[in-house]
Amino acid sequence: MFKNLLDPQVSLATLSLRLGLAAIFVVHGLIKVVQIHPLLPNHMSMPVQTLVGWTELVAGLMLAVGLFSRIAALALIVDQIGAIFLVTLPHALQGPPISLNGADFMKVGPEYNMVLILMAFAVVVLGSGAASVDHLILMPLKHRKKMQAALAAQNAAEAAAPVGEKLPAGPM
C-alpha cells in the first residue's frame, strides 16, 4: 500500500499547480472583466484592462480543466511579466507603506508575480497531467501510435523472417 508513497506524483503536482493558478486567475480576471471603471487608471486603459481580464479568465478556466494548459500558462507568464513592468517593479524590495489605516497593497513589489510566473512555468514544463482534458484527448492518439508502431514492427519482422517460418500472431 505504501510502496509508491515516496515516488514523485507528477499528475498530482500538475493538478495542484493548475487548480491553484486557476483559482487566482479566474477571480482576478473576472474582477477586471466586470468592472466598468479602470482599476488602475495610471497603469492601463479600460480596453487593456478588459483584454488582461479576459486573458486571465480564459487562461484560468483552461488551467482548471486542463485544456491546452501549456499555452494558457504561457499566456499567464506574459500577463505577469506585463504586471511586473507596469505596476509592481517600482516597489521592488520595499514592502507596502503602512499607516494607521492599514497597508497600501497597491504599492507591493513583484514577488507575488514572480511566484505566479514560476508556477505557470512549472505547468509549461510538466504539462497538464493525467487529470485533464488534454490527457483525455491525447490518450487515444498515443494508444493509436503505439498500436501502429507495434504493427509496423510485426510487419517488418514477418518480412525479414525466412519463408515458411511461423511468427506469433498479434501485436507484440
N, C-alpha and C. Protein backbone atom coordinates (compact mmCIF):
# COMPACT_ATOMS: atom_id res chain seq x y z
N MET A 1 0.81 -1.19 0.00
CA MET A 1 0.00 0.00 0.00
C MET A 1 0.86 1.27 0.00
N PHE A 2 1.94 1.28 0.78
CA PHE A 2 2.80 2.45 0.88
C PHE A 2 4.00 2.36 -0.06
N LYS A 3 3.98 1.39 -0.94
CA LYS A 3 5.12 1.15 -1.84
C LYS A 3 5.47 2.38 -2.68
N ASN A 4 4.47 3.07 -3.20
CA ASN A 4 4.70 4.21 -4.09
C ASN A 4 4.60 5.56 -3.37
N LEU A 5 4.57 5.56 -2.06
CA LEU A 5 4.38 6.79 -1.30
C LEU A 5 5.48 7.82 -1.56
N LEU A 6 6.71 7.37 -1.70
CA LEU A 6 7.82 8.29 -1.90
C LEU A 6 8.13 8.56 -3.37
N ASP A 7 7.41 7.91 -4.27
CA ASP A 7 7.60 8.16 -5.70
C ASP A 7 7.02 9.53 -6.06
N PRO A 8 7.62 10.22 -7.04
CA PRO A 8 7.05 11.51 -7.48
C PRO A 8 5.64 11.32 -8.03
N GLN A 9 4.75 12.18 -7.63
CA GLN A 9 3.35 12.14 -8.10
C GLN A 9 3.14 13.32 -9.05
N VAL A 10 3.66 13.18 -10.26
CA VAL A 10 3.66 14.29 -11.22
C VAL A 10 2.24 14.75 -11.55
N SER A 11 1.34 13.81 -11.76
CA SER A 11 -0.03 14.21 -12.11
C SER A 11 -0.70 14.96 -10.97
N LEU A 12 -0.43 14.57 -9.74
CA LEU A 12 -1.00 15.29 -8.60
C LEU A 12 -0.37 16.69 -8.49
N ALA A 13 0.93 16.78 -8.75
CA ALA A 13 1.61 18.07 -8.71
C ALA A 13 1.06 19.01 -9.78
N THR A 14 0.89 18.51 -11.00
CA THR A 14 0.36 19.37 -12.07
C THR A 14 -1.08 19.77 -11.78
N LEU A 15 -1.86 18.86 -11.24
CA LEU A 15 -3.24 19.19 -10.90
C LEU A 15 -3.26 20.30 -9.84
N SER A 16 -2.41 20.17 -8.82
CA SER A 16 -2.34 21.18 -7.76
C SER A 16 -1.93 22.54 -8.32
N LEU A 17 -0.91 22.55 -9.17
CA LEU A 17 -0.46 23.81 -9.78
C LEU A 17 -1.56 24.42 -10.63
N ARG A 18 -2.19 23.59 -11.47
CA ARG A 18 -3.24 24.10 -12.36
C ARG A 18 -4.40 24.69 -11.58
N LEU A 19 -4.86 23.96 -10.55
CA LEU A 19 -6.01 24.44 -9.78
C LEU A 19 -5.67 25.68 -8.96
N GLY A 20 -4.46 25.74 -8.43
CA GLY A 20 -4.04 26.93 -7.69
C GLY A 20 -4.01 28.16 -8.58
N LEU A 21 -3.40 28.02 -9.74
CA LEU A 21 -3.35 29.13 -10.69
C LEU A 21 -4.75 29.50 -11.17
N ALA A 22 -5.57 28.49 -11.43
CA ALA A 22 -6.94 28.75 -11.90
C ALA A 22 -7.72 29.53 -10.85
N ALA A 23 -7.59 29.17 -9.60
CA ALA A 23 -8.33 29.87 -8.54
C ALA A 23 -7.96 31.34 -8.50
N ILE A 24 -6.68 31.63 -8.69
CA ILE A 24 -6.23 33.03 -8.65
C ILE A 24 -6.69 33.79 -9.89
N PHE A 25 -6.43 33.21 -11.07
CA PHE A 25 -6.66 33.97 -12.30
C PHE A 25 -8.12 34.05 -12.72
N VAL A 26 -8.94 33.06 -12.38
CA VAL A 26 -10.36 33.17 -12.70
C VAL A 26 -10.96 34.34 -11.91
N VAL A 27 -10.64 34.42 -10.64
CA VAL A 27 -11.18 35.51 -9.81
C VAL A 27 -10.64 36.86 -10.27
N HIS A 28 -9.32 36.97 -10.44
CA HIS A 28 -8.73 38.26 -10.82
C HIS A 28 -9.17 38.68 -12.22
N GLY A 29 -9.30 37.72 -13.13
CA GLY A 29 -9.77 38.03 -14.47
C GLY A 29 -11.21 38.49 -14.47
N LEU A 30 -12.05 37.81 -13.70
CA LEU A 30 -13.47 38.18 -13.63
C LEU A 30 -13.64 39.58 -13.05
N ILE A 31 -12.85 39.91 -12.04
CA ILE A 31 -12.92 41.25 -11.45
C ILE A 31 -12.61 42.31 -12.52
N LYS A 32 -11.59 42.07 -13.32
CA LYS A 32 -11.21 43.05 -14.35
C LYS A 32 -12.25 43.13 -15.46
N VAL A 33 -12.88 42.02 -15.79
CA VAL A 33 -13.85 42.00 -16.90
C VAL A 33 -15.15 42.70 -16.52
N VAL A 34 -15.63 42.52 -15.30
CA VAL A 34 -16.94 43.07 -14.94
C VAL A 34 -16.89 44.53 -14.51
N GLN A 35 -15.71 45.07 -14.27
CA GLN A 35 -15.60 46.47 -13.85
C GLN A 35 -15.96 47.40 -15.00
N ILE A 36 -16.65 48.50 -14.66
CA ILE A 36 -16.98 49.48 -15.69
C ILE A 36 -16.06 50.70 -15.60
N HIS A 37 -15.20 50.71 -14.59
CA HIS A 37 -14.22 51.78 -14.42
C HIS A 37 -12.83 51.16 -14.35
N PRO A 38 -11.81 51.87 -14.82
CA PRO A 38 -10.45 51.33 -14.74
C PRO A 38 -10.03 51.11 -13.29
N LEU A 39 -9.46 49.94 -13.03
CA LEU A 39 -8.97 49.63 -11.68
C LEU A 39 -7.66 50.35 -11.38
N LEU A 40 -6.83 50.46 -12.39
CA LEU A 40 -5.53 51.12 -12.26
C LEU A 40 -5.39 52.16 -13.36
N PRO A 41 -6.08 53.29 -13.26
CA PRO A 41 -6.10 54.25 -14.36
C PRO A 41 -4.72 54.79 -14.73
N ASN A 42 -3.79 54.80 -13.78
CA ASN A 42 -2.44 55.29 -14.10
C ASN A 42 -1.60 54.26 -14.84
N HIS A 43 -2.05 52.99 -14.86
CA HIS A 43 -1.24 51.93 -15.43
C HIS A 43 -1.82 51.30 -16.70
N MET A 44 -3.16 51.26 -16.81
CA MET A 44 -3.74 50.67 -18.01
C MET A 44 -5.12 51.24 -18.30
N SER A 45 -5.38 51.36 -19.59
CA SER A 45 -6.67 51.89 -20.04
C SER A 45 -7.75 50.81 -19.88
N MET A 46 -8.97 51.21 -20.06
CA MET A 46 -10.09 50.27 -19.95
C MET A 46 -10.00 49.14 -20.98
N PRO A 47 -9.67 49.41 -22.26
CA PRO A 47 -9.54 48.30 -23.21
C PRO A 47 -8.42 47.33 -22.82
N VAL A 48 -7.31 47.85 -22.32
CA VAL A 48 -6.21 46.98 -21.89
C VAL A 48 -6.64 46.17 -20.67
N GLN A 49 -7.33 46.80 -19.74
CA GLN A 49 -7.83 46.10 -18.56
C GLN A 49 -8.77 44.97 -18.97
N THR A 50 -9.64 45.23 -19.93
CA THR A 50 -10.57 44.20 -20.40
C THR A 50 -9.82 43.05 -21.07
N LEU A 51 -8.84 43.39 -21.89
CA LEU A 51 -8.04 42.35 -22.55
C LEU A 51 -7.29 41.50 -21.51
N VAL A 52 -6.67 42.14 -20.54
CA VAL A 52 -5.96 41.42 -19.49
C VAL A 52 -6.94 40.56 -18.70
N GLY A 53 -8.10 41.11 -18.39
CA GLY A 53 -9.11 40.36 -17.65
C GLY A 53 -9.58 39.12 -18.38
N TRP A 54 -9.87 39.26 -19.67
CA TRP A 54 -10.30 38.10 -20.45
C TRP A 54 -9.18 37.07 -20.58
N THR A 55 -7.95 37.55 -20.74
CA THR A 55 -6.81 36.62 -20.82
C THR A 55 -6.71 35.82 -19.53
N GLU A 56 -6.78 36.51 -18.39
CA GLU A 56 -6.68 35.82 -17.11
C GLU A 56 -7.85 34.87 -16.88
N LEU A 57 -9.06 35.31 -17.22
CA LEU A 57 -10.24 34.49 -17.01
C LEU A 57 -10.22 33.24 -17.87
N VAL A 58 -9.99 33.41 -19.16
CA VAL A 58 -10.00 32.26 -20.07
C VAL A 58 -8.83 31.32 -19.77
N ALA A 59 -7.63 31.87 -19.57
CA ALA A 59 -6.49 31.01 -19.26
C ALA A 59 -6.71 30.29 -17.93
N GLY A 60 -7.30 30.95 -16.95
CA GLY A 60 -7.60 30.31 -15.68
C GLY A 60 -8.59 29.16 -15.84
N LEU A 61 -9.62 29.37 -16.64
CA LEU A 61 -10.58 28.29 -16.90
C LEU A 61 -9.94 27.13 -17.65
N MET A 62 -9.07 27.45 -18.61
CA MET A 62 -8.37 26.40 -19.34
C MET A 62 -7.48 25.58 -18.40
N LEU A 63 -6.81 26.25 -17.47
CA LEU A 63 -5.99 25.53 -16.50
C LEU A 63 -6.86 24.68 -15.58
N ALA A 64 -8.02 25.19 -15.20
CA ALA A 64 -8.90 24.45 -14.28
C ALA A 64 -9.28 23.09 -14.86
N VAL A 65 -9.58 23.05 -16.14
CA VAL A 65 -9.99 21.78 -16.76
C VAL A 65 -8.83 21.05 -17.43
N GLY A 66 -7.70 21.72 -17.56
CA GLY A 66 -6.54 21.07 -18.18
C GLY A 66 -6.65 21.01 -19.70
N LEU A 67 -7.11 22.08 -20.31
CA LEU A 67 -7.22 22.15 -21.77
C LEU A 67 -6.17 23.12 -22.30
N PHE A 68 -5.25 22.62 -23.10
CA PHE A 68 -4.14 23.43 -23.64
C PHE A 68 -3.44 24.18 -22.51
N SER A 69 -3.13 23.47 -21.44
CA SER A 69 -2.58 24.08 -20.23
C SER A 69 -1.26 24.79 -20.48
N ARG A 70 -0.43 24.22 -21.32
CA ARG A 70 0.87 24.86 -21.58
C ARG A 70 0.69 26.22 -22.25
N ILE A 71 -0.22 26.30 -23.19
CA ILE A 71 -0.48 27.57 -23.89
C ILE A 71 -1.08 28.57 -22.91
N ALA A 72 -2.04 28.12 -22.09
CA ALA A 72 -2.66 29.00 -21.10
C ALA A 72 -1.61 29.51 -20.10
N ALA A 73 -0.72 28.63 -19.67
CA ALA A 73 0.32 29.03 -18.72
C ALA A 73 1.28 30.04 -19.35
N LEU A 74 1.61 29.85 -20.62
CA LEU A 74 2.47 30.83 -21.31
C LEU A 74 1.79 32.20 -21.38
N ALA A 75 0.50 32.20 -21.66
CA ALA A 75 -0.23 33.48 -21.71
C ALA A 75 -0.20 34.17 -20.34
N LEU A 76 -0.30 33.39 -19.28
CA LEU A 76 -0.27 33.99 -17.94
C LEU A 76 1.13 34.46 -17.56
N ILE A 77 2.14 33.80 -18.06
CA ILE A 77 3.51 34.28 -17.84
C ILE A 77 3.69 35.65 -18.47
N VAL A 78 3.24 35.80 -19.71
CA VAL A 78 3.32 37.10 -20.39
C VAL A 78 2.52 38.14 -19.62
N ASP A 79 1.33 37.76 -19.17
CA ASP A 79 0.46 38.65 -18.39
C ASP A 79 1.19 39.13 -17.13
N GLN A 80 1.84 38.24 -16.42
CA GLN A 80 2.51 38.62 -15.17
C GLN A 80 3.79 39.41 -15.41
N ILE A 81 4.48 39.15 -16.50
CA ILE A 81 5.63 39.98 -16.85
C ILE A 81 5.16 41.41 -17.11
N GLY A 82 4.03 41.55 -17.80
CA GLY A 82 3.45 42.87 -18.02
C GLY A 82 3.06 43.54 -16.70
N ALA A 83 2.49 42.76 -15.77
CA ALA A 83 2.11 43.31 -14.47
C ALA A 83 3.34 43.80 -13.70
N ILE A 84 4.43 43.07 -13.82
CA ILE A 84 5.66 43.49 -13.14
C ILE A 84 6.13 44.83 -13.70
N PHE A 85 6.24 44.92 -15.01
CA PHE A 85 6.78 46.14 -15.61
C PHE A 85 5.83 47.33 -15.49
N LEU A 86 4.52 47.08 -15.53
CA LEU A 86 3.57 48.20 -15.47
C LEU A 86 3.20 48.62 -14.06
N VAL A 87 3.25 47.70 -13.09
CA VAL A 87 2.69 48.02 -11.78
C VAL A 87 3.67 47.80 -10.63
N THR A 88 4.27 46.64 -10.51
CA THR A 88 4.95 46.29 -9.26
C THR A 88 6.45 46.55 -9.23
N LEU A 89 7.11 46.64 -10.35
CA LEU A 89 8.57 46.78 -10.36
C LEU A 89 9.07 48.01 -9.60
N PRO A 90 8.42 49.17 -9.70
CA PRO A 90 8.93 50.33 -8.96
C PRO A 90 8.97 50.13 -7.45
N HIS A 91 8.24 49.14 -6.94
CA HIS A 91 8.16 48.93 -5.50
C HIS A 91 8.94 47.70 -5.04
N ALA A 92 9.84 47.21 -5.88
CA ALA A 92 10.61 46.02 -5.55
C ALA A 92 11.43 46.24 -4.29
N LEU A 93 11.43 45.24 -3.45
CA LEU A 93 12.23 45.20 -2.22
C LEU A 93 11.89 46.31 -1.22
N GLN A 94 10.68 46.85 -1.29
CA GLN A 94 10.29 47.92 -0.36
C GLN A 94 9.27 47.46 0.66
N GLY A 95 8.32 46.68 0.27
CA GLY A 95 7.19 46.37 1.15
C GLY A 95 6.18 47.49 1.05
N PRO A 96 4.91 47.20 1.32
CA PRO A 96 3.88 48.24 1.18
C PRO A 96 3.97 49.26 2.31
N PRO A 97 3.69 50.53 2.00
CA PRO A 97 3.65 51.54 3.07
C PRO A 97 2.50 51.25 4.03
N ILE A 98 2.79 51.35 5.33
CA ILE A 98 1.79 51.02 6.35
C ILE A 98 1.51 52.28 7.17
N SER A 99 0.21 52.55 7.35
CA SER A 99 -0.21 53.69 8.16
C SER A 99 -1.22 53.19 9.19
N LEU A 100 -1.82 54.10 9.93
CA LEU A 100 -2.83 53.72 10.92
C LEU A 100 -4.07 53.13 10.25
N ASN A 101 -4.28 53.46 8.97
CA ASN A 101 -5.42 52.93 8.22
C ASN A 101 -5.14 51.58 7.58
N GLY A 102 -3.93 51.08 7.71
CA GLY A 102 -3.57 49.80 7.12
C GLY A 102 -2.48 49.96 6.08
N ALA A 103 -2.25 48.91 5.33
CA ALA A 103 -1.20 48.90 4.31
C ALA A 103 -1.78 49.26 2.95
N ASP A 104 -0.96 49.92 2.13
CA ASP A 104 -1.35 50.25 0.76
C ASP A 104 -0.83 49.14 -0.15
N PHE A 105 -1.69 48.15 -0.39
CA PHE A 105 -1.28 47.00 -1.18
C PHE A 105 -1.22 47.27 -2.68
N MET A 106 -1.46 48.50 -3.08
CA MET A 106 -1.25 48.87 -4.49
C MET A 106 0.22 49.19 -4.72
N LYS A 107 0.99 49.20 -3.66
CA LYS A 107 2.42 49.51 -3.79
C LYS A 107 3.25 48.35 -3.27
N VAL A 108 2.97 47.17 -3.80
CA VAL A 108 3.74 45.98 -3.43
C VAL A 108 4.74 45.67 -4.55
N GLY A 109 5.77 44.93 -4.21
CA GLY A 109 6.79 44.56 -5.20
C GLY A 109 6.35 43.39 -6.05
N PRO A 110 7.23 42.92 -6.92
CA PRO A 110 6.89 41.88 -7.88
C PRO A 110 7.01 40.45 -7.35
N GLU A 111 7.16 40.26 -6.04
CA GLU A 111 7.38 38.92 -5.51
C GLU A 111 6.22 37.97 -5.83
N TYR A 112 5.01 38.45 -5.64
CA TYR A 112 3.82 37.64 -5.91
C TYR A 112 3.75 37.28 -7.39
N ASN A 113 4.03 38.25 -8.26
CA ASN A 113 4.03 38.00 -9.70
C ASN A 113 5.07 36.94 -10.06
N MET A 114 6.22 37.00 -9.41
CA MET A 114 7.29 36.03 -9.69
C MET A 114 6.87 34.61 -9.31
N VAL A 115 6.19 34.47 -8.18
CA VAL A 115 5.72 33.15 -7.77
C VAL A 115 4.71 32.62 -8.78
N LEU A 116 3.80 33.47 -9.25
CA LEU A 116 2.83 33.04 -10.26
C LEU A 116 3.52 32.65 -11.56
N ILE A 117 4.57 33.39 -11.94
CA ILE A 117 5.33 33.05 -13.14
C ILE A 117 5.98 31.68 -12.98
N LEU A 118 6.58 31.43 -11.82
CA LEU A 118 7.24 30.14 -11.60
C LEU A 118 6.24 28.99 -11.58
N MET A 119 5.07 29.21 -10.99
CA MET A 119 4.04 28.17 -11.01
C MET A 119 3.58 27.89 -12.44
N ALA A 120 3.36 28.94 -13.21
CA ALA A 120 2.94 28.77 -14.60
C ALA A 120 4.04 28.09 -15.41
N PHE A 121 5.30 28.44 -15.14
CA PHE A 121 6.41 27.79 -15.85
C PHE A 121 6.45 26.31 -15.53
N ALA A 122 6.16 25.93 -14.30
CA ALA A 122 6.11 24.51 -13.94
C ALA A 122 5.04 23.79 -14.75
N VAL A 123 3.91 24.44 -14.98
CA VAL A 123 2.86 23.83 -15.82
C VAL A 123 3.36 23.70 -17.26
N VAL A 124 4.08 24.70 -17.76
CA VAL A 124 4.64 24.62 -19.11
C VAL A 124 5.57 23.42 -19.21
N VAL A 125 6.41 23.21 -18.21
CA VAL A 125 7.38 22.11 -18.23
C VAL A 125 6.70 20.76 -18.04
N LEU A 126 5.77 20.67 -17.09
CA LEU A 126 5.16 19.39 -16.74
C LEU A 126 3.97 19.01 -17.62
N GLY A 127 3.30 19.98 -18.18
CA GLY A 127 2.10 19.70 -18.95
C GLY A 127 0.87 19.63 -18.06
N SER A 128 -0.21 19.08 -18.59
CA SER A 128 -1.49 19.07 -17.89
C SER A 128 -1.63 17.96 -16.87
N GLY A 129 -0.93 16.85 -17.06
CA GLY A 129 -1.08 15.71 -16.17
C GLY A 129 -2.24 14.82 -16.57
N ALA A 130 -2.42 13.76 -15.81
CA ALA A 130 -3.44 12.76 -16.15
C ALA A 130 -4.86 13.24 -15.90
N ALA A 131 -5.07 14.11 -14.91
CA ALA A 131 -6.40 14.59 -14.59
C ALA A 131 -6.68 15.86 -15.40
N SER A 132 -6.84 15.68 -16.72
CA SER A 132 -7.03 16.85 -17.58
C SER A 132 -7.76 16.46 -18.86
N VAL A 133 -8.34 17.47 -19.48
CA VAL A 133 -8.98 17.26 -20.79
C VAL A 133 -7.90 16.92 -21.82
N ASP A 134 -6.74 17.55 -21.73
CA ASP A 134 -5.63 17.23 -22.64
C ASP A 134 -5.32 15.74 -22.63
N HIS A 135 -5.27 15.15 -21.45
CA HIS A 135 -4.96 13.73 -21.33
C HIS A 135 -6.05 12.89 -22.00
N LEU A 136 -7.31 13.28 -21.80
CA LEU A 136 -8.41 12.54 -22.43
C LEU A 136 -8.36 12.63 -23.95
N ILE A 137 -7.92 13.78 -24.46
CA ILE A 137 -7.83 13.97 -25.90
C ILE A 137 -6.63 13.21 -26.48
N LEU A 138 -5.49 13.31 -25.79
CA LEU A 138 -4.26 12.74 -26.33
C LEU A 138 -4.09 11.25 -26.07
N MET A 139 -4.76 10.71 -25.06
CA MET A 139 -4.61 9.30 -24.73
C MET A 139 -4.96 8.38 -25.91
N PRO A 140 -6.10 8.55 -26.57
CA PRO A 140 -6.39 7.68 -27.73
C PRO A 140 -5.37 7.85 -28.86
N LEU A 141 -4.87 9.07 -29.06
CA LEU A 141 -3.87 9.29 -30.11
C LEU A 141 -2.58 8.56 -29.79
N LYS A 142 -2.13 8.62 -28.53
CA LYS A 142 -0.91 7.92 -28.12
C LYS A 142 -1.09 6.41 -28.24
N HIS A 143 -2.28 5.92 -27.85
CA HIS A 143 -2.55 4.49 -27.96
C HIS A 143 -2.52 4.04 -29.41
N ARG A 144 -3.10 4.86 -30.30
CA ARG A 144 -3.12 4.52 -31.72
C ARG A 144 -1.70 4.48 -32.28
N LYS A 145 -0.84 5.42 -31.89
CA LYS A 145 0.55 5.43 -32.36
C LYS A 145 1.31 4.20 -31.89
N LYS A 146 1.07 3.78 -30.63
CA LYS A 146 1.72 2.58 -30.11
C LYS A 146 1.28 1.35 -30.91
N MET A 147 -0.01 1.28 -31.20
CA MET A 147 -0.53 0.14 -31.97
C MET A 147 0.05 0.13 -33.38
N GLN A 148 0.14 1.31 -34.01
CA GLN A 148 0.71 1.39 -35.35
C GLN A 148 2.18 0.99 -35.34
N ALA A 149 2.92 1.41 -34.32
CA ALA A 149 4.33 1.05 -34.21
C ALA A 149 4.48 -0.45 -34.00
N ALA A 150 3.60 -1.04 -33.18
CA ALA A 150 3.67 -2.49 -32.95
C ALA A 150 3.36 -3.26 -34.23
N LEU A 151 2.35 -2.80 -34.97
CA LEU A 151 2.01 -3.46 -36.24
C LEU A 151 3.12 -3.31 -37.26
N ALA A 152 3.74 -2.14 -37.31
CA ALA A 152 4.85 -1.93 -38.24
C ALA A 152 6.02 -2.84 -37.88
N ALA A 153 6.30 -2.99 -36.59
CA ALA A 153 7.39 -3.88 -36.16
C ALA A 153 7.07 -5.32 -36.51
N GLN A 154 5.81 -5.73 -36.33
CA GLN A 154 5.42 -7.09 -36.67
C GLN A 154 5.54 -7.33 -38.18
N ASN A 155 5.09 -6.35 -38.98
CA ASN A 155 5.19 -6.49 -40.44
C ASN A 155 6.65 -6.57 -40.87
N ALA A 156 7.50 -5.78 -40.24
CA ALA A 156 8.93 -5.81 -40.57
C ALA A 156 9.53 -7.15 -40.19
N ALA A 157 9.11 -7.70 -39.05
CA ALA A 157 9.63 -9.00 -38.62
C ALA A 157 9.15 -10.10 -39.56
N GLU A 158 7.91 -10.02 -40.01
CA GLU A 158 7.38 -11.02 -40.95
C GLU A 158 8.10 -10.92 -42.29
N ALA A 159 8.38 -9.70 -42.71
CA ALA A 159 9.07 -9.53 -43.99
C ALA A 159 10.50 -10.04 -43.91
N ALA A 160 11.13 -9.94 -42.75
CA ALA A 160 12.52 -10.37 -42.59
C ALA A 160 12.63 -11.86 -42.27
N ALA A 161 11.53 -12.49 -41.86
CA ALA A 161 11.57 -13.91 -41.50
C ALA A 161 11.70 -14.77 -42.75
N PRO A 162 12.44 -15.89 -42.61
CA PRO A 162 12.54 -16.81 -43.76
C PRO A 162 11.17 -17.35 -44.13
N VAL A 163 10.99 -17.67 -45.40
CA VAL A 163 9.72 -18.17 -45.91
C VAL A 163 9.39 -19.48 -45.20
N GLY A 164 8.16 -19.58 -44.74
CA GLY A 164 7.70 -20.80 -44.09
C GLY A 164 7.83 -20.76 -42.58
N GLU A 165 8.60 -19.84 -42.02
CA GLU A 165 8.72 -19.75 -40.56
C GLU A 165 7.50 -19.02 -40.02
N LYS A 166 6.89 -19.58 -38.98
CA LYS A 166 5.68 -19.00 -38.42
C LYS A 166 6.02 -18.08 -37.27
N LEU A 167 5.49 -16.86 -37.29
CA LEU A 167 5.68 -15.89 -36.21
C LEU A 167 4.43 -15.84 -35.36
N PRO A 168 4.56 -15.46 -34.09
CA PRO A 168 3.35 -15.33 -33.25
C PRO A 168 2.42 -14.25 -33.80
N ALA A 169 1.11 -14.49 -33.67
CA ALA A 169 0.11 -13.56 -34.21
C ALA A 169 -0.12 -12.41 -33.23
N GLY A 170 -0.60 -11.30 -33.76
CA GLY A 170 -0.98 -10.15 -32.95
C GLY A 170 0.19 -9.21 -32.69
N PRO A 171 -0.14 -8.04 -32.20
CA PRO A 171 0.91 -7.05 -31.89
C PRO A 171 1.79 -7.54 -30.75
N MET A 172 3.03 -7.10 -30.79
CA MET A 172 3.98 -7.56 -29.78
C MET A 172 3.91 -6.76 -28.53
